């Protein structure tokens, strides 16, 4: 048989088919070696179990938080608060949980606790525009206008296109009497969402307070385009017309407001005043009686003032309603 070719520098192994190949014998393992293998196998299995189970027990914060979100979606606010608070207890630096907790307290009408939760969020995430906006809105609700404006301005600087923040900031400036700044932010809000009546309504009030009654009328009419059955919008528009001494237009808007909400006490009071000015005594007396029936002290004019109007009307000559 010819010899196999050689590759220079490489040894060639020649198998002799006549010899039987056998596997090399292994040395028998001692008892100590077998014990070490067994321990290592058990440890590996334990580590595998822990690796799989870790998310379920190591991050209880996420478990409570996600369950809280589910309860929130189901409208179970009280239960959701309890779960989110447990998430925070498990992870004290859980910024998203603090933000959600603030929203839940706000939904409950507890702006004190909402503000505390939002403050925690802002401390953990200073550049979170939503957290600062929500904190600012909570401060405004608590009459902390300067604090509210500061946080809302921070939110706007971080995210200039947030509609709700612009409306809240405009409202805060209006409450503070800074109508010029209020108009700037509310105008921007109407540009961001032209069909949202809250921006147009607040803009109308701000322009009226600033003395721009024509601008107020335009704003209220734009709001009515998107919600023609809103009694409060007709009432606001009627009030501006009354301020402009456009009595017929004012009466029309007040009466329209009452068609949409027959128990709208403030509209009855103002309508009674306008009817009195027009010497429509019977109509005025009827409006003031309706006010006394539906009104409360929180509606504005006191019951005593309405009663005084009625006394004065009894001594005035009656004038029938205009056809």
C-alpha atoms as a PDB file:
ATOM      1  CA  UNK A   1       0.000   0.000   0.000  1.00  0.00           C
ATOM      2  CA  UNK A   2       1.480   3.368  -0.943  1.00  0.00           C
ATOM      3  CA  UNK A   3       2.416   5.663   1.908  1.00  0.00           C
ATOM      4  CA  UNK A   4       0.058   8.600   2.566  1.00  0.00           C
ATOM      5  CA  UNK A   5       1.153  11.969   1.297  1.00  0.00           C
ATOM      6  CA  UNK A   6       2.883  14.128   3.841  1.00  0.00           C
ATOM      7  CA  UNK A   7       2.329  17.774   4.405  1.00  0.00           C
ATOM      8  CA  UNK A   8       5.638  19.430   5.141  1.00  0.00           C
ATOM      9  CA  UNK A   9       6.003  20.140   8.820  1.00  0.00           C
ATOM     10  CA  UNK A  10       2.845  18.177   9.780  1.00  0.00           C
ATOM     11  CA  UNK A  11       3.087  14.666  11.300  1.00  0.00           C
ATOM     12  CA  UNK A  12       0.819  12.028   9.815  1.00  0.00           C
ATOM     13  CA  UNK A  13      -0.958   9.501  12.005  1.00  0.00           C
ATOM     14  CA  UNK A  14      -1.477   6.127  10.374  1.00  0.00           C
ATOM     15  CA  UNK A  15      -4.211   3.896  11.776  1.00  0.00           C
ATOM     16  CA  UNK A  16      -3.446   0.228  11.707  1.00  0.00           C
ATOM     17  CA  UNK A  17      -6.739  -1.516  10.886  1.00  0.00           C
ATOM     18  CA  UNK A  18      -5.401  -4.673  12.417  1.00  0.00           C
ATOM     19  CA  UNK A  19      -5.367  -3.146  15.896  1.00  0.00           C
ATOM     20  CA  UNK A  20      -8.628  -2.804  17.848  1.00  0.00           C
ATOM     21  CA  UNK A  21      -9.370   0.653  19.145  1.00  0.00           C
ATOM     22  CA  UNK A  22     -10.436   0.859  22.775  1.00  0.00           C
ATOM     23  CA  UNK A  23     -11.541   3.801  24.872  1.00  0.00           C
ATOM     24  CA  UNK A  24      -9.129   4.864  27.584  1.00  0.00           C
ATOM     25  CA  UNK A  25     -10.085   3.681  31.044  1.00  0.00           C
ATOM     26  CA  UNK A  26     -11.464   6.347  33.425  1.00  0.00           C
ATOM     27  CA  UNK A  27     -10.270   6.559  36.946  1.00  0.00           C
ATOM     28  CA  UNK A  28     -13.019   5.722  39.408  1.00  0.00           C
ATOM     29  CA  UNK A  29     -14.400   8.814  41.190  1.00  0.00           C
ATOM     30  CA  UNK A  30     -14.058   8.993  44.915  1.00  0.00           C
ATOM     31  CA  UNK A  31     -16.902   9.682  47.331  1.00  0.00           C
ATOM     32  CA  UNK A  32     -15.778  13.281  47.885  1.00  0.00           C
ATOM     33  CA  UNK A  33     -15.900  14.033  44.188  1.00  0.00           C
ATOM     34  CA  UNK A  34     -19.415  12.613  43.886  1.00  0.00           C
ATOM     35  CA  UNK A  35     -20.598  14.750  46.828  1.00  0.00           C
ATOM     36  CA  UNK A  36     -19.229  17.924  45.268  1.00  0.00           C
ATOM     37  CA  UNK A  37     -20.992  17.165  41.987  1.00  0.00           C
ATOM     38  CA  UNK A  38     -24.286  16.581  43.801  1.00  0.00           C
ATOM     39  CA  UNK A  39     -24.019  19.855  45.758  1.00  0.00           C
ATOM     40  CA  UNK A  40     -23.180  21.819  42.636  1.00  0.00           C
ATOM     41  CA  UNK A  41     -26.151  20.360  40.795  1.00  0.00           C
ATOM     42  CA  UNK A  42     -28.537  21.232  43.643  1.00  0.00           C
ATOM     43  CA  UNK A  43     -27.117  24.750  43.890  1.00  0.00           C
ATOM     44  CA  UNK A  44     -27.540  25.258  40.158  1.00  0.00           C
ATOM     45  CA  UNK A  45     -31.144  24.110  40.331  1.00  0.00           C
ATOM     46  CA  UNK A  46     -31.822  26.489  43.235  1.00  0.00           C
ATOM     47  CA  UNK A  47     -30.293  29.442  41.381  1.00  0.00           C
ATOM     48  CA  UNK A  48     -32.433  28.638  38.346  1.00  0.00           C
ATOM     49  CA  UNK A  49     -35.609  28.637  40.460  1.00  0.00           C
ATOM     50  CA  UNK A  50     -34.636  31.934  42.082  1.00  0.00           C
ATOM     51  CA  UNK A  51     -33.876  33.501  38.711  1.00  0.00           C
ATOM     52  CA  UNK A  52     -37.314  32.558  37.409  1.00  0.00           C
ATOM     53  CA  UNK A  53     -39.211  33.523  40.566  1.00  0.00           C
ATOM     54  CA  UNK A  54     -37.280  36.739  41.343  1.00  0.00           C
ATOM     55  CA  UNK A  55     -39.616  39.219  39.600  1.00  0.00           C
ATOM     56  CA  UNK A  56     -42.580  37.846  41.547  1.00  0.00           C
ATOM     57  CA  UNK A  57     -41.095  38.424  44.990  1.00  0.00           C
ATOM     58  CA  UNK A  58     -38.223  40.878  44.528  1.00  0.00           C
ATOM     59  CA  UNK A  59     -40.312  43.687  42.942  1.00  0.00           C
ATOM     60  CA  UNK A  60     -43.474  43.785  45.020  1.00  0.00           C
ATOM     61  CA  UNK A  61     -43.653  47.511  44.246  1.00  0.00           C
ATOM     62  CA  UNK A  62     -44.425  46.808  40.586  1.00  0.00           C
ATOM     63  CA  UNK A  63     -46.994  44.169  41.533  1.00  0.00           C
ATOM     64  CA  UNK A  64     -48.901  46.582  43.811  1.00  0.00           C
ATOM     65  CA  UNK A  65     -48.560  49.459  41.340  1.00  0.00           C
ATOM     66  CA  UNK A  66     -49.927  47.506  38.365  1.00  0.00           C
ATOM     67  CA  UNK A  67     -52.801  46.191  40.455  1.00  0.00           C
ATOM     68  CA  UNK A  68     -53.502  49.761  41.550  1.00  0.00           C
ATOM     69  CA  UNK A  69     -53.666  50.867  37.919  1.00  0.00           C
ATOM     70  CA  UNK A  70     -56.131  48.072  37.186  1.00  0.00           C
ATOM     71  CA  UNK A  71     -58.336  49.157  40.091  1.00  0.00           C
ATOM     72  CA  UNK A  72     -58.130  52.757  38.887  1.00  0.00           C
ATOM     73  CA  UNK A  73     -59.364  51.711  35.449  1.00  0.00           C
ATOM     74  CA  UNK A  74     -62.254  49.907  37.155  1.00  0.00           C
ATOM     75  CA  UNK A  75     -63.189  53.072  39.021  1.00  0.00           C
ATOM     76  CA  UNK A  76     -62.211  51.642  42.420  1.00  0.00           C
ATOM     77  CA  UNK A  77     -60.313  54.717  43.566  1.00  0.00           C
ATOM     78  CA  UNK A  78     -60.082  53.945  47.288  1.00  0.00           C
ATOM     79  CA  UNK A  79     -58.733  50.438  46.673  1.00  0.00           C
ATOM     80  CA  UNK A  80     -56.356  51.794  44.025  1.00  0.00           C
ATOM     81  CA  UNK A  81     -54.933  54.315  46.502  1.00  0.00           C
ATOM     82  CA  UNK A  82     -54.220  51.512  48.985  1.00  0.00           C
ATOM     83  CA  UNK A  83     -52.342  49.470  46.381  1.00  0.00           C
ATOM     84  CA  UNK A  84     -50.284  52.395  45.084  1.00  0.00           C
ATOM     85  CA  UNK A  85     -49.365  53.354  48.652  1.00  0.00           C
ATOM     86  CA  UNK A  86     -48.113  49.785  49.196  1.00  0.00           C
ATOM     87  CA  UNK A  87     -46.041  50.130  46.020  1.00  0.00           C
ATOM     88  CA  UNK A  88     -44.455  53.282  47.430  1.00  0.00           C
ATOM     89  CA  UNK A  89     -43.817  51.571  50.773  1.00  0.00           C
ATOM     90  CA  UNK A  90     -41.959  48.828  48.901  1.00  0.00           C
ATOM     91  CA  UNK A  91     -40.048  51.311  46.748  1.00  0.00           C
ATOM     92  CA  UNK A  92     -39.858  54.803  48.313  1.00  0.00           C
ATOM     93  CA  UNK A  93     -38.325  56.397  45.198  1.00  0.00           C
ATOM     94  CA  UNK A  94     -41.102  55.207  42.842  1.00  0.00           C
ATOM     95  CA  UNK A  95     -41.804  58.439  40.931  1.00  0.00           C
ATOM     96  CA  UNK A  96     -44.535  57.032  38.681  1.00  0.00           C
ATOM     97  CA  UNK A  97     -46.386  55.691  41.717  1.00  0.00           C
ATOM     98  CA  UNK A  98     -46.323  59.099  43.418  1.00  0.00           C
ATOM     99  CA  UNK A  99     -47.711  60.711  40.250  1.00  0.00           C
ATOM    100  CA  UNK A 100     -50.528  58.169  40.049  1.00  0.00           C
ATOM    101  CA  UNK A 101     -51.245  58.580  43.761  1.00  0.00           C
ATOM    102  CA  UNK A 102     -51.567  62.333  43.250  1.00  0.00           C
ATOM    103  CA  UNK A 103     -54.024  61.780  40.393  1.00  0.00           C
ATOM    104  CA  UNK A 104     -56.075  59.422  42.554  1.00  0.00           C
ATOM    105  CA  UNK A 105     -56.255  61.878  45.453  1.00  0.00           C
ATOM    106  CA  UNK A 106     -57.193  64.644  43.002  1.00  0.00           C
ATOM    107  CA  UNK A 107     -60.033  62.464  41.687  1.00  0.00           C
ATOM    108  CA  UNK A 108     -61.216  62.192  45.297  1.00  0.00           C
ATOM    109  CA  UNK A 109     -61.157  65.978  45.625  1.00  0.00           C
ATOM    110  CA  UNK A 110     -58.353  65.872  48.205  1.00  0.00           C
ATOM    111  CA  UNK A 111     -55.977  68.475  46.778  1.00  0.00           C
ATOM    112  CA  UNK A 112     -53.865  68.625  49.941  1.00  0.00           C
ATOM    113  CA  UNK A 113     -52.841  64.981  49.630  1.00  0.00           C
ATOM    114  CA  UNK A 114     -52.617  65.271  45.853  1.00  0.00           C
ATOM    115  CA  UNK A 115     -50.134  68.152  46.209  1.00  0.00           C
ATOM    116  CA  UNK A 116     -48.004  66.146  48.667  1.00  0.00           C
ATOM    117  CA  UNK A 117     -47.800  63.231  46.209  1.00  0.00           C
ATOM    118  CA  UNK A 118     -46.973  65.530  43.291  1.00  0.00           C
ATOM    119  CA  UNK A 119     -44.263  67.238  45.357  1.00  0.00           C
ATOM    120  CA  UNK A 120     -42.625  63.835  45.838  1.00  0.00           C
ATOM    121  CA  UNK A 121     -42.778  63.220  42.101  1.00  0.00           C
ATOM    122  CA  UNK A 122     -41.179  66.570  41.288  1.00  0.00           C
ATOM    123  CA  UNK A 123     -38.441  65.977  43.878  1.00  0.00           C
ATOM    124  CA  UNK A 124     -37.606  62.678  42.162  1.00  0.00           C
ATOM    125  CA  UNK A 125     -38.149  63.870  38.583  1.00  0.00           C
ATOM    126  CA  UNK A 126     -37.601  67.667  38.403  1.00  0.00           C
ATOM    127  CA  UNK A 127     -38.004  67.746  34.606  1.00  0.00           C
ATOM    128  CA  UNK A 128     -41.317  65.902  34.516  1.00  0.00           C
ATOM    129  CA  UNK A 129     -43.631  68.459  32.881  1.00  0.00           C
ATOM    130  CA  UNK A 130     -46.779  66.517  33.764  1.00  0.00           C
ATOM    131  CA  UNK A 131     -45.869  66.302  37.439  1.00  0.00           C
ATOM    132  CA  UNK A 132     -45.117  70.024  37.642  1.00  0.00           C
ATOM    133  CA  UNK A 133     -48.325  70.860  35.798  1.00  0.00           C
ATOM    134  CA  UNK A 134     -50.423  68.694  38.098  1.00  0.00           C
ATOM    135  CA  UNK A 135     -48.699  70.130  41.161  1.00  0.00           C
ATOM    136  CA  UNK A 136     -49.338  73.656  39.946  1.00  0.00           C
ATOM    137  CA  UNK A 137     -53.015  72.916  39.303  1.00  0.00           C
ATOM    138  CA  UNK A 138     -53.347  71.432  42.804  1.00  0.00           C
ATOM    139  CA  UNK A 139     -51.761  74.531  44.334  1.00  0.00           C
ATOM    140  CA  UNK A 140     -54.225  76.747  42.442  1.00  0.00           C
ATOM    141  CA  UNK A 141     -57.106  74.690  43.834  1.00  0.00           C
ATOM    142  CA  UNK A 142     -55.672  75.266  47.292  1.00  0.00           C
ATOM    143  CA  UNK A 143     -55.561  79.046  46.610  1.00  0.00           C
ATOM    144  CA  UNK A 144     -51.749  78.978  46.626  1.00  0.00           C
ATOM    145  CA  UNK A 145     -51.688  81.035  43.446  1.00  0.00           C
ATOM    146  CA  UNK A 146     -48.032  82.102  43.481  1.00  0.00           C
ATOM    147  CA  UNK A 147     -46.847  78.527  44.050  1.00  0.00           C
ATOM    148  CA  UNK A 148     -49.247  77.283  41.398  1.00  0.00           C
ATOM    149  CA  UNK A 149     -48.115  79.811  38.815  1.00  0.00           C
ATOM    150  CA  UNK A 150     -44.459  78.973  39.509  1.00  0.00           C
ATOM    151  CA  UNK A 151     -44.983  75.263  38.895  1.00  0.00           C
ATOM    152  CA  UNK A 152     -47.239  75.784  35.883  1.00  0.00           C
ATOM    153  CA  UNK A 153     -44.712  78.141  34.282  1.00  0.00           C
ATOM    154  CA  UNK A 154     -42.033  75.474  34.843  1.00  0.00           C
ATOM    155  CA  UNK A 155     -44.277  72.934  33.148  1.00  0.00           C
ATOM    156  CA  UNK A 156     -44.846  75.219  30.164  1.00  0.00           C
ATOM    157  CA  UNK A 157     -41.103  75.781  29.795  1.00  0.00           C
ATOM    158  CA  UNK A 158     -40.584  72.003  29.707  1.00  0.00           C
ATOM    159  CA  UNK A 159     -43.537  71.253  27.411  1.00  0.00           C
ATOM    160  CA  UNK A 160     -45.105  74.325  25.732  1.00  0.00           C
ATOM    161  CA  UNK A 161     -47.931  72.451  23.999  1.00  0.00           C
ATOM    162  CA  UNK A 162     -49.773  71.016  27.019  1.00  0.00           C
ATOM    163  CA  UNK A 163     -53.369  72.236  26.687  1.00  0.00           C
ATOM    164  CA  UNK A 164     -54.497  71.579  30.265  1.00  0.00           C
ATOM    165  CA  UNK A 165     -51.455  73.338  31.696  1.00  0.00           C
ATOM    166  CA  UNK A 166     -52.120  76.428  29.575  1.00  0.00           C
ATOM    167  CA  UNK A 167     -55.752  76.538  30.733  1.00  0.00           C
ATOM    168  CA  UNK A 168     -54.741  76.085  34.380  1.00  0.00           C
ATOM    169  CA  UNK A 169     -52.099  78.792  34.082  1.00  0.00           C
ATOM    170  CA  UNK A 170     -54.546  81.180  32.432  1.00  0.00           C
ATOM    171  CA  UNK A 171     -57.086  80.494  35.158  1.00  0.00           C
ATOM    172  CA  UNK A 172     -54.451  81.088  37.875  1.00  0.00           C
ATOM    173  CA  UNK A 173     -53.431  84.436  36.393  1.00  0.00           C
ATOM    174  CA  UNK A 174     -57.106  85.394  36.083  1.00  0.00           C
ATOM    175  CA  UNK A 175     -57.652  84.556  39.756  1.00  0.00           C
ATOM    176  CA  UNK A 176     -54.662  86.708  40.615  1.00  0.00           C
ATOM    177  CA  UNK A 177     -56.025  89.618  38.578  1.00  0.00           C
ATOM    178  CA  UNK A 178     -53.293  89.488  35.931  1.00  0.00           C
ATOM    179  CA  UNK A 179     -55.690  89.427  32.991  1.00  0.00           C
ATOM    180  CA  UNK A 180     -53.031  90.238  30.402  1.00  0.00           C
ATOM    181  CA  UNK A 181     -51.021  87.107  31.242  1.00  0.00           C
ATOM    182  CA  UNK A 182     -54.217  85.065  31.515  1.00  0.00           C
ATOM    183  CA  UNK A 183     -55.257  86.095  28.009  1.00  0.00           C
ATOM    184  CA  UNK A 184     -51.828  85.114  26.599  1.00  0.00           C
ATOM    185  CA  UNK A 185     -52.003  81.555  27.910  1.00  0.00           C
ATOM    186  CA  UNK A 186     -55.709  81.044  27.261  1.00  0.00           C
ATOM    187  CA  UNK A 187     -55.338  82.275  23.692  1.00  0.00           C
ATOM    188  CA  UNK A 188     -52.547  79.734  23.220  1.00  0.00           C
ATOM    189  CA  UNK A 189     -54.832  77.049  24.652  1.00  0.00           C
ATOM    190  CA  UNK A 190     -57.535  77.858  22.076  1.00  0.00           C
ATOM    191  CA  UNK A 191     -54.910  77.490  19.343  1.00  0.00           C
ATOM    192  CA  UNK A 192     -53.851  74.100  20.680  1.00  0.00           C
ATOM    193  CA  UNK A 193     -57.404  72.745  20.908  1.00  0.00           C
ATOM    194  CA  UNK A 194     -59.912  75.030  19.140  1.00  0.00           C
ATOM    195  CA  UNK A 195     -62.936  72.878  20.005  1.00  0.00           C
ATOM    196  CA  UNK A 196     -62.385  72.727  23.765  1.00  0.00           C
ATOM    197  CA  UNK A 197     -64.900  75.014  25.467  1.00  0.00           C
ATOM    198  CA  UNK A 198     -62.932  75.385  28.729  1.00  0.00           C
ATOM    199  CA  UNK A 199     -60.289  77.516  27.032  1.00  0.00           C
ATOM    200  CA  UNK A 200     -62.830  79.732  25.238  1.00  0.00           C
ATOM    201  CA  UNK A 201     -64.918  80.124  28.395  1.00  0.00           C
ATOM    202  CA  UNK A 202     -61.961  81.172  30.541  1.00  0.00           C
ATOM    203  CA  UNK A 203     -60.716  83.437  27.770  1.00  0.00           C
ATOM    204  CA  UNK A 204     -64.137  85.094  27.581  1.00  0.00           C
ATOM    205  CA  UNK A 205     -64.166  85.743  31.323  1.00  0.00           C
ATOM    206  CA  UNK A 206     -60.589  87.080  31.274  1.00  0.00           C
ATOM    207  CA  UNK A 207     -61.348  89.439  28.385  1.00  0.00           C
ATOM    208  CA  UNK A 208     -64.512  90.651  30.094  1.00  0.00           C
ATOM    209  CA  UNK A 209     -62.536  91.345  33.295  1.00  0.00           C
ATOM    210  CA  UNK A 210     -59.913  93.154  31.240  1.00  0.00           C
ATOM    211  CA  UNK A 211     -62.610  95.404  29.750  1.00  0.00           C
ATOM    212  CA  UNK A 212     -62.548  93.825  26.306  1.00  0.00           C
ATOM    213  CA  UNK A 213     -66.254  93.031  26.099  1.00  0.00           C
ATOM    214  CA  UNK A 214     -66.268  92.566  22.339  1.00  0.00           C
ATOM    215  CA  UNK A 215     -63.459  90.022  22.701  1.00  0.00           C
ATOM    216  CA  UNK A 216     -65.425  88.326  25.470  1.00  0.00           C
ATOM    217  CA  UNK A 217     -68.502  88.036  23.258  1.00  0.00           C
ATOM    218  CA  UNK A 218     -66.412  86.467  20.481  1.00  0.00           C
ATOM    219  CA  UNK A 219     -64.921  83.956  22.923  1.00  0.00           C
ATOM    220  CA  UNK A 220     -68.281  82.937  24.417  1.00  0.00           C
ATOM    221  CA  UNK A 221     -69.808  82.565  20.959  1.00  0.00           C
ATOM    222  CA  UNK A 222     -66.908  80.320  19.897  1.00  0.00           C
ATOM    223  CA  UNK A 223     -67.527  78.203  22.984  1.00  0.00           C
ATOM    224  CA  UNK A 224     -71.239  77.976  22.133  1.00  0.00           C
ATOM    225  CA  UNK A 225     -70.409  76.762  18.629  1.00  0.00           C
ATOM    226  CA  UNK A 226     -69.004  73.619  20.236  1.00  0.00           C
ATOM    227  CA  UNK A 227     -71.644  73.330  22.979  1.00  0.00           C
ATOM    228  CA  UNK A 228     -74.829  75.261  22.140  1.00  0.00           C
ATOM    229  CA  UNK A 229     -76.813  73.734  25.022  1.00  0.00           C
ATOM    230  CA  UNK A 230     -74.491  74.895  27.806  1.00  0.00           C
ATOM    231  CA  UNK A 231     -76.594  77.074  30.124  1.00  0.00           C
ATOM    232  CA  UNK A 232     -73.586  78.695  31.800  1.00  0.00           C
ATOM    233  CA  UNK A 233     -72.222  79.901  28.446  1.00  0.00           C
ATOM    234  CA  UNK A 234     -75.540  81.558  27.582  1.00  0.00           C
ATOM    235  CA  UNK A 235     -75.571  83.100  31.060  1.00  0.00           C
ATOM    236  CA  UNK A 236     -72.028  84.495  30.612  1.00  0.00           C
ATOM    237  CA  UNK A 237     -72.886  85.898  27.204  1.00  0.00           C
ATOM    238  CA  UNK A 238     -76.053  87.463  28.638  1.00  0.00           C
ATOM    239  CA  UNK A 239     -74.000  89.077  31.405  1.00  0.00           C
ATOM    240  CA  UNK A 240     -71.642  90.722  28.902  1.00  0.00           C
ATOM    241  CA  UNK A 241     -74.614  92.003  26.892  1.00  0.00           C
ATOM    242  CA  UNK A 242     -76.126  93.402  30.091  1.00  0.00           C
ATOM    243  CA  UNK A 243     -72.852  95.182  30.870  1.00  0.00           C
ATOM    244  CA  UNK A 244     -73.019  96.714  27.385  1.00  0.00           C
ATOM    245  CA  UNK A 245     -76.643  97.759  28.063  1.00  0.00           C
ATOM    246  CA  UNK A 246     -77.848  95.559  25.210  1.00  0.00           C
ATOM    247  CA  UNK A 247     -80.892  94.580  27.219  1.00  0.00           C
ATOM    248  CA  UNK A 248     -82.818  92.646  24.582  1.00  0.00           C
ATOM    249  CA  UNK A 249     -79.804  90.458  23.792  1.00  0.00           C
ATOM    250  CA  UNK A 250     -79.134  89.934  27.502  1.00  0.00           C
ATOM    251  CA  UNK A 251     -82.725  88.821  28.143  1.00  0.00           C
ATOM    252  CA  UNK A 252     -82.597  86.442  25.171  1.00  0.00           C
ATOM    253  CA  UNK A 253     -79.433  84.771  26.490  1.00  0.00           C
ATOM    254  CA  UNK A 254     -80.723  84.501  30.071  1.00  0.00           C
ATOM    255  CA  UNK A 255     -83.985  82.968  28.866  1.00  0.00           C
ATOM    256  CA  UNK A 256     -82.064  80.539  26.667  1.00  0.00           C
ATOM    257  CA  UNK A 257     -79.925  79.546  29.662  1.00  0.00           C
ATOM    258  CA  UNK A 258     -83.079  78.801  31.650  1.00  0.00           C
ATOM    259  CA  UNK A 259     -84.548  76.699  28.845  1.00  0.00           C
ATOM    260  CA  UNK A 260     -81.458  74.497  29.059  1.00  0.00           C
ATOM    261  CA  UNK A 261     -81.385  74.539  32.879  1.00  0.00           C
ATOM    262  CA  UNK A 262     -84.728  75.502  34.460  1.00  0.00           C
ATOM    263  CA  UNK A 263     -83.154  75.581  37.949  1.00  0.00           C
ATOM    264  CA  UNK A 264     -80.283  77.926  37.123  1.00  0.00           C
ATOM    265  CA  UNK A 265     -80.656  80.302  40.087  1.00  0.00           C
ATOM    266  CA  UNK A 266     -78.157  82.993  39.014  1.00  0.00           C
ATOM    267  CA  UNK A 267     -79.899  83.378  35.674  1.00  0.00           C
ATOM    268  CA  UNK A 268     -83.236  83.991  37.445  1.00  0.00           C
ATOM    269  CA  UNK A 269     -81.660  86.667  39.632  1.00  0.00           C
ATOM    270  CA  UNK A 270     -79.989  88.553  36.768  1.00  0.00           C
ATOM    271  CA  UNK A 271     -83.084  88.187  34.614  1.00  0.00           C
ATOM    272  CA  UNK A 272     -85.135  89.656  37.448  1.00  0.00           C
ATOM    273  CA  UNK A 273     -82.781  92.650  37.570  1.00  0.00           C
ATOM    274  CA  UNK A 274     -83.039  93.243  33.816  1.00  0.00           C
ATOM    275  CA  UNK A 275     -86.829  92.835  33.843  1.00  0.00           C
ATOM    276  CA  UNK A 276     -86.975  95.390  36.676  1.00  0.00           C
ATOM    277  CA  UNK A 277     -84.931  97.858  34.637  1.00  0.00           C
ATOM    278  CA  UNK A 278     -87.354  97.318  31.766  1.00  0.00           C
ATOM    279  CA  UNK A 279     -90.268  97.805  34.213  1.00  0.00           C
ATOM    280  CA  UNK A 280     -91.580  94.351  33.435  1.00  0.00           C
ATOM    281  CA  UNK A 281     -92.752  94.060  37.013  1.00  0.00           C
ATOM    282  CA  UNK A 282     -94.638  90.780  36.857  1.00  0.00           C
ATOM    283  CA  UNK A 283     -91.853  89.039  34.958  1.00  0.00           C
ATOM    284  CA  UNK A 284     -89.263  90.409  37.381  1.00  0.00           C
ATOM    285  CA  UNK A 285     -91.273  89.279  40.420  1.00  0.00           C
ATOM    286  CA  UNK A 286     -91.652  85.806  38.940  1.00  0.00           C
ATOM    287  CA  UNK A 287     -87.872  85.620  38.245  1.00  0.00           C
ATOM    288  CA  UNK A 288     -86.983  86.634  41.812  1.00  0.00           C
ATOM    289  CA  UNK A 289     -89.412  84.076  43.238  1.00  0.00           C
ATOM    290  CA  UNK A 290     -87.747  81.397  41.125  1.00  0.00           C
ATOM    291  CA  UNK A 291     -84.395  82.548  42.427  1.00  0.00           C
ATOM    292  CA  UNK A 292     -85.599  82.201  46.012  1.00  0.00           C
ATOM    293  CA  UNK A 293     -86.909  78.726  45.180  1.00  0.00           C
ATOM    294  CA  UNK A 294     -83.703  77.414  43.592  1.00  0.00           C
ATOM    295  CA  UNK A 295     -80.985  79.700  44.902  1.00  0.00           C
ATOM    296  CA  UNK A 296     -78.502  79.289  47.718  1.00  0.00           C
ATOM    297  CA  UNK A 297     -76.181  81.781  49.386  1.00  0.00           C
ATOM    298  CA  UNK A 298     -73.320  80.409  47.281  1.00  0.00           C
ATOM    299  CA  UNK A 299     -75.092  81.519  44.090  1.00  0.00           C
ATOM    300  CA  UNK A 300     -74.097  85.132  44.662  1.00  0.00           C
ATOM    301  CA  UNK A 301     -76.854  87.531  45.651  1.00  0.00           C
ATOM    302  CA  UNK A 302     -78.333  86.785  49.039  1.00  0.00           C
ATOM    303  CA  UNK A 303     -81.906  85.787  49.635  1.00  0.00           C
ATOM    304  CA  UNK A 304     -82.390  89.026  51.552  1.00  0.00           C
ATOM    305  CA  UNK A 305     -81.495  91.069  48.461  1.00  0.00           C
ATOM    306  CA  UNK A 306     -83.948  89.096  46.333  1.00  0.00           C
ATOM    307  CA  UNK A 307     -86.646  89.644  48.945  1.00  0.00           C
ATOM    308  CA  UNK A 308     -85.892  93.391  48.936  1.00  0.00           C
ATOM    309  CA  UNK A 309     -86.316  93.414  45.162  1.00  0.00           C
ATOM    310  CA  UNK A 310     -89.683  91.727  45.519  1.00  0.00           C
ATOM    311  CA  UNK A 311     -90.842  94.273  48.091  1.00  0.00           C
ATOM    312  CA  UNK A 312     -89.905  97.094  45.768  1.00  0.00           C
ATOM    313  CA  UNK A 313     -91.710  95.465  42.860  1.00  0.00           C
ATOM    314  CA  UNK A 314     -94.965  95.152  44.817  1.00  0.00           C
ATOM    315  CA  UNK A 315     -95.140  98.920  45.095  1.00  0.00           C
ATOM    316  CA  UNK A 316     -94.201  99.522  41.447  1.00  0.00           C
ATOM    317  CA  UNK A 317     -96.781  99.709  38.637  1.00  0.00           C
ATOM    318  CA  UNK A 318     -96.980  96.470  36.682  1.00  0.00           C
ATOM    319  CA  UNK A 319     -95.975  96.295  33.047  1.00  0.00           C
ATOM    320  CA  UNK A 320     -96.884  93.365  30.861  1.00  0.00           C
ATOM    321  CA  UNK A 321     -94.350  91.221  29.054  1.00  0.00           C
ATOM    322  CA  UNK A 322     -93.249  92.517  25.663  1.00  0.00           C
ATOM    323  CA  UNK A 323     -94.652  90.647  22.722  1.00  0.00           C
END
